[in-house]
Amino acid sequence: MAVCLIGAARATAGDEAPRPASREGEKAALAQFARHAEAAFIAARERAAAHADDLEAAWQFGRACFDWADFPAAKARRAEIANLGIAACRRVVSADTNSAPGHYYLAMNLAQLAQTKSLGALEIVTQMEREFTRAKGLDPALDYAGAERNLGLLYLEAPGWPVSIGSHAKAREHLHAAVERAPEYPENHLNLITAYVKWGDRAAARKELEVLDHLWAQARATLTGDAWGSAWLDWEDRRRKLTEEAKETPATTGHRLGRP
C-alpha cells in the first residue's frame, strides 16, 4: 500500500491471471476490484458501528476507507470516504497513542484527502509526515514497511523547501529502507526504481529492475486473491513502463503517492 500526494495507493491484485488484453478487459477487472473494496468497506463499517469501543475494528474501518476511496470517480465522494477514515483513525490514536495502525491509516486517508484538493493539499503534507513517522517508530514492519515506503514517496513527490518538505536525500533514505526491511514486496522496489528514473540514474534503475525480476514470480504466488487485484494491475503496468524508461532519456514524472 502506498500513498501519493498528489495520492495514496493501496497495492492489491488478483491471482495468476494475466493482465487484461484490452481496455474493456481492464475496465471489467477494475470494476471487480471496486466491488470487492466497496463490500469490504461496508462490512468494516458495520463491524465498527456494532463494536464502538473496539479500536481494532475502528482502524480496520480506516483501512477499508482508504482502499475504497481509490475507486469513486467523483472527488467529493472520495473526500467523503477519506474523511470517514480520518475520523475513525483519529478516535483510535486519541484512545491509544501507541496504535501503529491508527497512525498509519490516519496518514493514508489524509493522503487520499490530499488527492482530492487542487489547493490546500500541501497543508496536509506535514500531518502525513508526522503520522507516518509515528507509525514507523511504533511498528516499522507494518504493511510491508509501509511507513518507510510512504515517507519515501512523500519526500520524493512534495515540493522542496521552502514550499514543502520534499527532499532527495530523505526520499532515498526511506525508499532504500523500505526495500531493505521488506524486500519481498514488489511496490518497495517499484518506488525505488521510479525515484532512480526521476533522478536520471538509469543504471541504478536497471539494477533494481533485475532484483525485482527475480522476486516477481514468488510475489505473484504469495500475494493472491481479490484483495490484491488492483495492485497487480498497477504493478505490472508500472514495471513495464519503468523497464522502457530505464532505457531512455531520464524521465521527470513521478508516481502517485500509494498503493503498496
Foldseek 3Di string as FASTA:
>chain_A
DWFFQLTAAAFAQAAPDDFDPDPVRNVVLLVLLLVVLVVQLVVLVVVCVVCVPDLVSLLSNLVSLLHNLVDDPDLVVSLVSLVSSLVSLVVNCVVPVLDLSSLQSNLSSLRSNSNSDPPPSQVSLVSSLVSLVSSCVNPCPPPQSHSLQHQLNSLCPDDPPPVHPRDLVSNQVSLVVSCVRRVLDLVSLLQNLQSCLQVFNLVVNVVSLVSSVVNVVVSSNVRHDSGNNVNVNVSVVSSVVSVVSSVDGRDNDGDHGYHD
